[in-house]
């Protein structure tokens, strides 16, 4: 890809100005979804966190993952704690 250098430079600028980079990413819901899914697959974030960032329920995200053939990891400590937090807020 000829313009790949732009992506690499964006990464550098994003380190200096993370809020601006994040605002740009959030303006493109499809891009944000792909980044979140990638972070989930790389085990950087939990299913609960992925759902939170995308503004959907865990169940909705699980359905999306099933459609895409993305494996669902067993809930980790963070998932359990976030579920408890949601329940206690009800």
PDB file of N, CA and C in Angstrom:
ATOM      1  N   UNK A   1       0.847  -1.172   0.000  1.00  0.00           N
ATOM      2  CA  UNK A   1       0.000   0.000   0.000  1.00  0.00           C
ATOM      3  C   UNK A   1       0.896   1.239   0.000  1.00  0.00           C
ATOM      4  N   UNK A   2       0.687   2.067  -0.951  1.00  0.00           N
ATOM      5  CA  UNK A   2       1.561   3.215  -1.181  1.00  0.00           C
ATOM      6  C   UNK A   2       1.557   4.225  -0.033  1.00  0.00           C
ATOM      7  N   UNK A   3       0.401   4.468   0.573  1.00  0.00           N
ATOM      8  CA  UNK A   3       0.284   5.500   1.611  1.00  0.00           C
ATOM      9  C   UNK A   3       0.375   4.948   3.028  1.00  0.00           C
ATOM     10  N   UNK A   4       0.964   3.786   3.203  1.00  0.00           N
ATOM     11  CA  UNK A   4       1.090   3.178   4.527  1.00  0.00           C
ATOM     12  C   UNK A   4       1.886   4.068   5.478  1.00  0.00           C
ATOM     13  N   UNK A   5       2.740   4.897   4.947  1.00  0.00           N
ATOM     14  CA  UNK A   5       3.534   5.797   5.783  1.00  0.00           C
ATOM     15  C   UNK A   5       2.621   6.729   6.585  1.00  0.00           C
ATOM     16  N   UNK A   6       1.447   7.053   6.037  1.00  0.00           N
ATOM     17  CA  UNK A   6       0.517   7.939   6.749  1.00  0.00           C
ATOM     18  C   UNK A   6       0.055   7.276   8.040  1.00  0.00           C
ATOM     19  N   UNK A   7      -0.237   5.992   7.978  1.00  0.00           N
ATOM     20  CA  UNK A   7      -0.672   5.251   9.167  1.00  0.00           C
ATOM     21  C   UNK A   7       0.443   5.245  10.217  1.00  0.00           C
ATOM     22  N   UNK A   8       1.657   5.003   9.781  1.00  0.00           N
ATOM     23  CA  UNK A   8       2.781   4.978  10.720  1.00  0.00           C
ATOM     24  C   UNK A   8       2.999   6.350  11.363  1.00  0.00           C
ATOM     25  N   UNK A   9       2.845   7.388  10.591  1.00  0.00           N
ATOM     26  CA  UNK A   9       3.000   8.740  11.149  1.00  0.00           C
ATOM     27  C   UNK A   9       1.834   9.082  12.084  1.00  0.00           C
ATOM     28  N   UNK A  10       0.638   8.599  11.743  1.00  0.00           N
ATOM     29  CA  UNK A  10      -0.516   8.805  12.618  1.00  0.00           C
ATOM     30  C   UNK A  10      -0.261   8.184  13.983  1.00  0.00           C
ATOM     31  N   UNK A  11       0.335   7.002  14.001  1.00  0.00           N
ATOM     32  CA  UNK A  11       0.661   6.340  15.270  1.00  0.00           C
ATOM     33  C   UNK A  11       1.566   7.224  16.122  1.00  0.00           C
ATOM     34  N   UNK A  12       2.555   7.838  15.499  1.00  0.00           N
ATOM     35  CA  UNK A  12       3.468   8.713  16.239  1.00  0.00           C
ATOM     36  C   UNK A  12       2.750   9.950  16.769  1.00  0.00           C
ATOM     37  N   UNK A  13       1.933  10.556  15.926  1.00  0.00           N
ATOM     38  CA  UNK A  13       1.196  11.747  16.347  1.00  0.00           C
ATOM     39  C   UNK A  13       0.192  11.382  17.444  1.00  0.00           C
ATOM     40  N   UNK A  14      -0.422  10.207  17.337  1.00  0.00           N
ATOM     41  CA  UNK A  14      -1.397   9.764  18.340  1.00  0.00           C
ATOM     42  C   UNK A  14      -0.753   9.619  19.716  1.00  0.00           C
ATOM     43  N   UNK A  15       0.515   9.261  19.754  1.00  0.00           N
ATOM     44  CA  UNK A  15       1.215   9.182  21.042  1.00  0.00           C
ATOM     45  C   UNK A  15       1.359  10.562  21.672  1.00  0.00           C
ATOM     46  N   UNK A  16       1.524  11.568  20.842  1.00  0.00           N
ATOM     47  CA  UNK A  16       1.676  12.934  21.344  1.00  0.00           C
ATOM     48  C   UNK A  16       0.332  13.591  21.650  1.00  0.00           C
ATOM     49  N   UNK A  17      -0.686  13.209  20.897  1.00  0.00           N
ATOM     50  CA  UNK A  17      -2.006  13.831  21.037  1.00  0.00           C
ATOM     51  C   UNK A  17      -3.084  12.749  21.080  1.00  0.00           C
ATOM     52  N   UNK A  18      -3.093  11.914  22.128  1.00  0.00           N
ATOM     53  CA  UNK A  18      -4.010  10.774  22.154  1.00  0.00           C
ATOM     54  C   UNK A  18      -5.490  11.163  22.119  1.00  0.00           C
ATOM     55  N   UNK A  19      -5.861  12.248  22.771  1.00  0.00           N
ATOM     56  CA  UNK A  19      -7.273  12.642  22.781  1.00  0.00           C
ATOM     57  C   UNK A  19      -7.770  13.001  21.385  1.00  0.00           C
ATOM     58  N   UNK A  20      -6.970  13.723  20.636  1.00  0.00           N
ATOM     59  CA  UNK A  20      -7.364  14.098  19.266  1.00  0.00           C
ATOM     60  C   UNK A  20      -7.471  12.868  18.377  1.00  0.00           C
ATOM     61  N   UNK A  21      -6.514  11.958  18.525  1.00  0.00           N
ATOM     62  CA  UNK A  21      -6.551  10.733  17.725  1.00  0.00           C
ATOM     63  C   UNK A  21      -7.782   9.909  18.082  1.00  0.00           C
ATOM     64  N   UNK A  22      -8.076   9.806  19.358  1.00  0.00           N
ATOM     65  CA  UNK A  22      -9.239   9.053  19.804  1.00  0.00           C
ATOM     66  C   UNK A  22     -10.530   9.677  19.294  1.00  0.00           C
ATOM     67  N   UNK A  23     -10.613  10.996  19.321  1.00  0.00           N
ATOM     68  CA  UNK A  23     -11.799  11.679  18.797  1.00  0.00           C
ATOM     69  C   UNK A  23     -12.003  11.391  17.319  1.00  0.00           C
ATOM     70  N   UNK A  24     -10.926  11.355  16.558  1.00  0.00           N
ATOM     71  CA  UNK A  24     -11.025  11.033  15.131  1.00  0.00           C
ATOM     72  C   UNK A  24     -11.524   9.603  14.924  1.00  0.00           C
ATOM     73  N   UNK A  25     -10.986   8.684  15.699  1.00  0.00           N
ATOM     74  CA  UNK A  25     -11.382   7.280  15.569  1.00  0.00           C
ATOM     75  C   UNK A  25     -12.850   7.102  15.935  1.00  0.00           C
ATOM     76  N   UNK A  26     -13.285   7.778  16.985  1.00  0.00           N
ATOM     77  CA  UNK A  26     -14.677   7.641  17.427  1.00  0.00           C
ATOM     78  C   UNK A  26     -15.676   8.208  16.417  1.00  0.00           C
ATOM     79  N   UNK A  27     -15.223   9.053  15.515  1.00  0.00           N
ATOM     80  CA  UNK A  27     -16.109   9.593  14.477  1.00  0.00           C
ATOM     81  C   UNK A  27     -16.422   8.566  13.390  1.00  0.00           C
ATOM     82  N   UNK A  28     -15.677   7.477  13.377  1.00  0.00           N
ATOM     83  CA  UNK A  28     -15.889   6.416  12.388  1.00  0.00           C
ATOM     84  C   UNK A  28     -16.254   5.130  13.144  1.00  0.00           C
ATOM     85  N   UNK A  29     -17.554   4.884  13.352  1.00  0.00           N
ATOM     86  CA  UNK A  29     -17.984   3.730  14.153  1.00  0.00           C
ATOM     87  C   UNK A  29     -17.460   2.387  13.648  1.00  0.00           C
ATOM     88  N   UNK A  30     -17.349   2.229  12.337  1.00  0.00           N
ATOM     89  CA  UNK A  30     -16.841   0.962  11.797  1.00  0.00           C
ATOM     90  C   UNK A  30     -15.372   0.765  12.146  1.00  0.00           C
ATOM     91  N   UNK A  31     -14.596   1.828  12.050  1.00  0.00           N
ATOM     92  CA  UNK A  31     -13.185   1.751  12.412  1.00  0.00           C
ATOM     93  C   UNK A  31     -13.039   1.450  13.898  1.00  0.00           C
ATOM     94  N   UNK A  32     -13.811   2.129  14.724  1.00  0.00           N
ATOM     95  CA  UNK A  32     -13.762   1.893  16.171  1.00  0.00           C
ATOM     96  C   UNK A  32     -14.096   0.441  16.473  1.00  0.00           C
ATOM     97  N   UNK A  33     -15.126  -0.091  15.813  1.00  0.00           N
ATOM     98  CA  UNK A  33     -15.523  -1.485  16.044  1.00  0.00           C
ATOM     99  C   UNK A  33     -14.381  -2.435  15.696  1.00  0.00           C
ATOM    100  N   UNK A  34     -13.725  -2.195  14.575  1.00  0.00           N
ATOM    101  CA  UNK A  34     -12.617  -3.070  14.171  1.00  0.00           C
ATOM    102  C   UNK A  34     -11.447  -2.987  15.152  1.00  0.00           C
ATOM    103  N   UNK A  35     -11.170  -1.795  15.661  1.00  0.00           N
ATOM    104  CA  UNK A  35     -10.093  -1.625  16.639  1.00  0.00           C
ATOM    105  C   UNK A  35     -10.432  -2.351  17.931  1.00  0.00           C
ATOM    106  N   UNK A  36     -11.674  -2.218  18.377  1.00  0.00           N
ATOM    107  CA  UNK A  36     -12.110  -2.875  19.616  1.00  0.00           C
ATOM    108  C   UNK A  36     -12.058  -4.393  19.459  1.00  0.00           C
ATOM    109  N   UNK A  37     -12.529  -4.898  18.334  1.00  0.00           N
ATOM    110  CA  UNK A  37     -12.484  -6.343  18.101  1.00  0.00           C
ATOM    111  C   UNK A  37     -11.044  -6.837  18.076  1.00  0.00           C
ATOM    112  N   UNK A  38     -10.176  -6.085  17.434  1.00  0.00           N
ATOM    113  CA  UNK A  38      -8.761  -6.452  17.397  1.00  0.00           C
ATOM    114  C   UNK A  38      -8.163  -6.488  18.809  1.00  0.00           C
ATOM    115  N   UNK A  39      -8.514  -5.499  19.617  1.00  0.00           N
ATOM    116  CA  UNK A  39      -8.015  -5.461  20.999  1.00  0.00           C
ATOM    117  C   UNK A  39      -8.552  -6.649  21.792  1.00  0.00           C
ATOM    118  N   UNK A  40      -9.803  -7.024  21.551  1.00  0.00           N
ATOM    119  CA  UNK A  40     -10.378  -8.193  22.221  1.00  0.00           C
ATOM    120  C   UNK A  40      -9.630  -9.457  21.802  1.00  0.00           C
ATOM    121  N   UNK A  41      -9.411  -9.612  20.497  1.00  0.00           N
ATOM    122  CA  UNK A  41      -8.707 -10.798  20.006  1.00  0.00           C
ATOM    123  C   UNK A  41      -7.270 -10.877  20.519  1.00  0.00           C
ATOM    124  N   UNK A  42      -6.656  -9.720  20.715  1.00  0.00           N
ATOM    125  CA  UNK A  42      -5.291  -9.680  21.244  1.00  0.00           C
ATOM    126  C   UNK A  42      -5.264  -9.790  22.772  1.00  0.00           C
ATOM    127  N   UNK A  43      -6.445  -9.973  23.367  1.00  0.00           N
ATOM    128  CA  UNK A  43      -6.615 -10.116  24.817  1.00  0.00           C
ATOM    129  C   UNK A  43      -6.152  -8.886  25.591  1.00  0.00           C
ATOM    130  N   UNK A  44      -6.314  -7.726  24.969  1.00  0.00           N
ATOM    131  CA  UNK A  44      -6.000  -6.458  25.629  1.00  0.00           C
ATOM    132  C   UNK A  44      -7.183  -5.994  26.465  1.00  0.00           C
ATOM    133  N   UNK A  45      -8.403  -6.263  25.958  1.00  0.00           N
ATOM    134  CA  UNK A  45      -9.615  -5.900  26.679  1.00  0.00           C
ATOM    135  C   UNK A  45     -10.536  -7.111  26.779  1.00  0.00           C
ATOM    136  N   UNK A  46     -11.430  -7.055  27.748  1.00  0.00           N
ATOM    137  CA  UNK A  46     -12.388  -8.136  27.952  1.00  0.00           C
ATOM    138  C   UNK A  46     -13.617  -7.930  27.074  1.00  0.00           C
ATOM    139  N   UNK A  47     -14.462  -8.923  27.048  1.00  0.00           N
ATOM    140  CA  UNK A  47     -15.715  -8.828  26.306  1.00  0.00           C
ATOM    141  C   UNK A  47     -16.577  -7.704  26.876  1.00  0.00           C
ATOM    142  N   UNK A  48     -16.622  -7.607  28.200  1.00  0.00           N
ATOM    143  CA  UNK A  48     -17.403  -6.548  28.837  1.00  0.00           C
ATOM    144  C   UNK A  48     -16.908  -5.165  28.473  1.00  0.00           C
ATOM    145  N   UNK A  49     -15.592  -4.983  28.463  1.00  0.00           N
ATOM    146  CA  UNK A  49     -15.019  -3.686  28.103  1.00  0.00           C
ATOM    147  C   UNK A  49     -15.287  -3.373  26.632  1.00  0.00           C
ATOM    148  N   UNK A  50     -15.164  -4.386  25.782  1.00  0.00           N
ATOM    149  CA  UNK A  50     -15.438  -4.183  24.357  1.00  0.00           C
ATOM    150  C   UNK A  50     -16.876  -3.721  24.153  1.00  0.00           C
ATOM    151  N   UNK A  51     -17.803  -4.368  24.834  1.00  0.00           N
ATOM    152  CA  UNK A  51     -19.214  -3.989  24.724  1.00  0.00           C
ATOM    153  C   UNK A  51     -19.427  -2.566  25.236  1.00  0.00           C
ATOM    154  N   UNK A  52     -18.786  -2.243  26.351  1.00  0.00           N
ATOM    155  CA  UNK A  52     -18.913  -0.893  26.922  1.00  0.00           C
ATOM    156  C   UNK A  52     -18.429   0.172  25.948  1.00  0.00           C
ATOM    157  N   UNK A  53     -17.265  -0.029  25.363  1.00  0.00           N
ATOM    158  CA  UNK A  53     -16.693   0.949  24.431  1.00  0.00           C
ATOM    159  C   UNK A  53     -17.588   1.116  23.203  1.00  0.00           C
ATOM    160  N   UNK A  54     -18.172   0.018  22.744  1.00  0.00           N
ATOM    161  CA  UNK A  54     -19.018   0.068  21.560  1.00  0.00           C
ATOM    162  C   UNK A  54     -20.448   0.498  21.868  1.00  0.00           C
ATOM    163  N   UNK A  55     -20.785   0.588  23.154  1.00  0.00           N
ATOM    164  CA  UNK A  55     -22.123   1.038  23.533  1.00  0.00           C
ATOM    165  C   UNK A  55     -23.211   0.011  23.256  1.00  0.00           C
ATOM    166  N   UNK A  56     -22.847  -1.276  23.397  1.00  0.00           N
ATOM    167  CA  UNK A  56     -23.807  -2.358  23.212  1.00  0.00           C
ATOM    168  C   UNK A  56     -23.767  -3.266  24.437  1.00  0.00           C
ATOM    169  N   UNK A  57     -24.737  -4.168  24.530  1.00  0.00           N
ATOM    170  CA  UNK A  57     -24.714  -5.129  25.625  1.00  0.00           C
ATOM    171  C   UNK A  57     -23.744  -6.255  25.294  1.00  0.00           C
ATOM    172  N   UNK A  58     -23.355  -6.980  26.318  1.00  0.00           N
ATOM    173  CA  UNK A  58     -22.485  -8.137  26.099  1.00  0.00           C
ATOM    174  C   UNK A  58     -23.161  -9.131  25.156  1.00  0.00           C
ATOM    175  N   UNK A  59     -24.467  -9.322  25.351  1.00  0.00           N
ATOM    176  CA  UNK A  59     -25.213 -10.281  24.534  1.00  0.00           C
ATOM    177  C   UNK A  59     -25.219  -9.854  23.058  1.00  0.00           C
ATOM    178  N   UNK A  60     -25.393  -8.559  22.813  1.00  0.00           N
ATOM    179  CA  UNK A  60     -25.361  -8.068  21.430  1.00  0.00           C
ATOM    180  C   UNK A  60     -23.987  -8.289  20.806  1.00  0.00           C
ATOM    181  N   UNK A  61     -22.956  -8.052  21.590  1.00  0.00           N
ATOM    182  CA  UNK A  61     -21.602  -8.241  21.069  1.00  0.00           C
ATOM    183  C   UNK A  61     -21.304  -9.716  20.829  1.00  0.00           C
ATOM    184  N   UNK A  62     -21.788 -10.568  21.712  1.00  0.00           N
ATOM    185  CA  UNK A  62     -21.603 -12.010  21.517  1.00  0.00           C
ATOM    186  C   UNK A  62     -22.261 -12.438  20.209  1.00  0.00           C
ATOM    187  N   UNK A  63     -23.452 -11.940  19.929  1.00  0.00           N
ATOM    188  CA  UNK A  63     -24.127 -12.257  18.670  1.00  0.00           C
ATOM    189  C   UNK A  63     -23.311 -11.786  17.470  1.00  0.00           C
ATOM    190  N   UNK A  64     -22.778 -10.561  17.567  1.00  0.00           N
ATOM    191  CA  UNK A  64     -21.929 -10.023  16.485  1.00  0.00           C
ATOM    192  C   UNK A  64     -20.704 -10.915  16.280  1.00  0.00           C
ATOM    193  N   UNK A  65     -20.089 -11.324  17.378  1.00  0.00           N
ATOM    194  CA  UNK A  65     -18.908 -12.186  17.287  1.00  0.00           C
ATOM    195  C   UNK A  65     -19.271 -13.532  16.664  1.00  0.00           C
ATOM    196  N   UNK A  66     -20.407 -14.090  17.051  1.00  0.00           N
ATOM    197  CA  UNK A  66     -20.836 -15.371  16.472  1.00  0.00           C
ATOM    198  C   UNK A  66     -21.009 -15.247  14.965  1.00  0.00           C
ATOM    199  N   UNK A  67     -21.629 -14.152  14.520  1.00  0.00           N
ATOM    200  CA  UNK A  67     -21.832 -13.934  13.083  1.00  0.00           C
ATOM    201  C   UNK A  67     -20.505 -13.857  12.336  1.00  0.00           C
ATOM    202  N   UNK A  68     -19.506 -13.276  13.004  1.00  0.00           N
ATOM    203  CA  UNK A  68     -18.194 -13.115  12.372  1.00  0.00           C
ATOM    204  C   UNK A  68     -17.272 -14.312  12.585  1.00  0.00           C
ATOM    205  N   UNK A  69     -17.711 -15.267  13.394  1.00  0.00           N
ATOM    206  CA  UNK A  69     -16.878 -16.430  13.676  1.00  0.00           C
ATOM    207  C   UNK A  69     -15.756 -16.130  14.657  1.00  0.00           C
ATOM    208  N   UNK A  70     -15.958 -15.123  15.496  1.00  0.00           N
ATOM    209  CA  UNK A  70     -14.945 -14.733  16.484  1.00  0.00           C
ATOM    210  C   UNK A  70     -15.184 -15.541  17.756  1.00  0.00           C
ATOM    211  N   UNK A  71     -14.164 -16.233  18.236  1.00  0.00           N
ATOM    212  CA  UNK A  71     -14.356 -17.040  19.446  1.00  0.00           C
ATOM    213  C   UNK A  71     -14.592 -16.171  20.683  1.00  0.00           C
ATOM    214  N   UNK A  72     -15.450 -16.665  21.554  1.00  0.00           N
ATOM    215  CA  UNK A  72     -15.745 -15.974  22.812  1.00  0.00           C
ATOM    216  C   UNK A  72     -14.874 -16.592  23.895  1.00  0.00           C
ATOM    217  N   UNK A  73     -14.098 -15.750  24.553  1.00  0.00           N
ATOM    218  CA  UNK A  73     -13.266 -16.235  25.664  1.00  0.00           C
ATOM    219  C   UNK A  73     -14.132 -16.428  26.899  1.00  0.00           C
ATOM    220  N   UNK A  74     -13.697 -17.327  27.765  1.00  0.00           N
ATOM    221  CA  UNK A  74     -14.375 -17.500  29.055  1.00  0.00           C
ATOM    222  C   UNK A  74     -14.256 -16.190  29.822  1.00  0.00           C
ATOM    223  N   UNK A  75     -15.284 -15.835  30.590  1.00  0.00           N
ATOM    224  CA  UNK A  75     -15.228 -14.572  31.343  1.00  0.00           C
ATOM    225  C   UNK A  75     -14.007 -14.536  32.264  1.00  0.00           C
ATOM    226  N   UNK A  76     -13.343 -13.406  32.290  1.00  0.00           N
ATOM    227  CA  UNK A  76     -12.222 -13.238  33.203  1.00  0.00           C
ATOM    228  C   UNK A  76     -12.681 -12.416  34.405  1.00  0.00           C
ATOM    229  N   UNK A  77     -11.770 -12.136  35.292  1.00  0.00           N
ATOM    230  CA  UNK A  77     -12.093 -11.399  36.522  1.00  0.00           C
ATOM    231  C   UNK A  77     -12.735 -10.044  36.211  1.00  0.00           C
ATOM    232  N   UNK A  78     -12.209  -9.344  35.203  1.00  0.00           N
ATOM    233  CA  UNK A  78     -12.733  -8.031  34.832  1.00  0.00           C
ATOM    234  C   UNK A  78     -14.185  -8.133  34.360  1.00  0.00           C
ATOM    235  N   UNK A  79     -14.482  -9.172  33.572  1.00  0.00           N
ATOM    236  CA  UNK A  79     -15.856  -9.379  33.110  1.00  0.00           C
ATOM    237  C   UNK A  79     -16.798  -9.592  34.281  1.00  0.00           C
ATOM    238  N   UNK A  80     -16.391 -10.441  35.203  1.00  0.00           N
ATOM    239  CA  UNK A  80     -17.240 -10.747  36.360  1.00  0.00           C
ATOM    240  C   UNK A  80     -17.459  -9.493  37.198  1.00  0.00           C
ATOM    241  N   UNK A  81     -16.405  -8.740  37.446  1.00  0.00           N
ATOM    242  CA  UNK A  81     -16.540  -7.515  38.242  1.00  0.00           C
ATOM    243  C   UNK A  81     -17.435  -6.492  37.561  1.00  0.00           C
ATOM    244  N   UNK A  82     -17.328  -6.366  36.241  1.00  0.00           N
ATOM    245  CA  UNK A  82     -18.172  -5.393  35.548  1.00  0.00           C
ATOM    246  C   UNK A  82     -19.634  -5.828  35.577  1.00  0.00           C
ATOM    247  N   UNK A  83     -19.888  -7.130  35.503  1.00  0.00           N
ATOM    248  CA  UNK A  83     -21.259  -7.617  35.605  1.00  0.00           C
ATOM    249  C   UNK A  83     -21.835  -7.344  36.992  1.00  0.00           C
ATOM    250  N   UNK A  84     -21.035  -7.569  38.031  1.00  0.00           N
ATOM    251  CA  UNK A  84     -21.472  -7.297  39.401  1.00  0.00           C
ATOM    252  C   UNK A  84     -21.777  -5.809  39.560  1.00  0.00           C
ATOM    253  N   UNK A  85     -20.939  -4.960  38.983  1.00  0.00           N
ATOM    254  CA  UNK A  85     -21.154  -3.510  39.062  1.00  0.00           C
ATOM    255  C   UNK A  85     -22.468  -3.115  38.403  1.00  0.00           C
ATOM    256  N   UNK A  86     -22.771  -3.706  37.253  1.00  0.00           N
ATOM    257  CA  UNK A  86     -24.016  -3.405  36.564  1.00  0.00           C
ATOM    258  C   UNK A  86     -25.211  -3.837  37.403  1.00  0.00           C
ATOM    259  N   UNK A  87     -25.113  -5.024  37.971  1.00  0.00           N
ATOM    260  CA  UNK A  87     -26.226  -5.551  38.771  1.00  0.00           C
ATOM    261  C   UNK A  87     -26.457  -4.693  40.013  1.00  0.00           C
ATOM    262  N   UNK A  88     -25.387  -4.252  40.678  1.00  0.00           N
ATOM    263  CA  UNK A  88     -25.546  -3.464  41.895  1.00  0.00           C
ATOM    264  C   UNK A  88     -26.079  -2.074  41.604  1.00  0.00           C
ATOM    265  N   UNK A  89     -25.943  -1.604  40.373  1.00  0.00           N
ATOM    266  CA  UNK A  89     -26.459  -0.274  40.005  1.00  0.00           C
ATOM    267  C   UNK A  89     -27.940  -0.307  39.688  1.00  0.00           C
ATOM    268  N   UNK A  90     -28.499  -1.487  39.491  1.00  0.00           N
ATOM    269  CA  UNK A  90     -29.924  -1.608  39.140  1.00  0.00           C
ATOM    270  C   UNK A  90     -30.828  -1.330  40.308  1.00  0.00           C
TER     271      UNK A  90
END
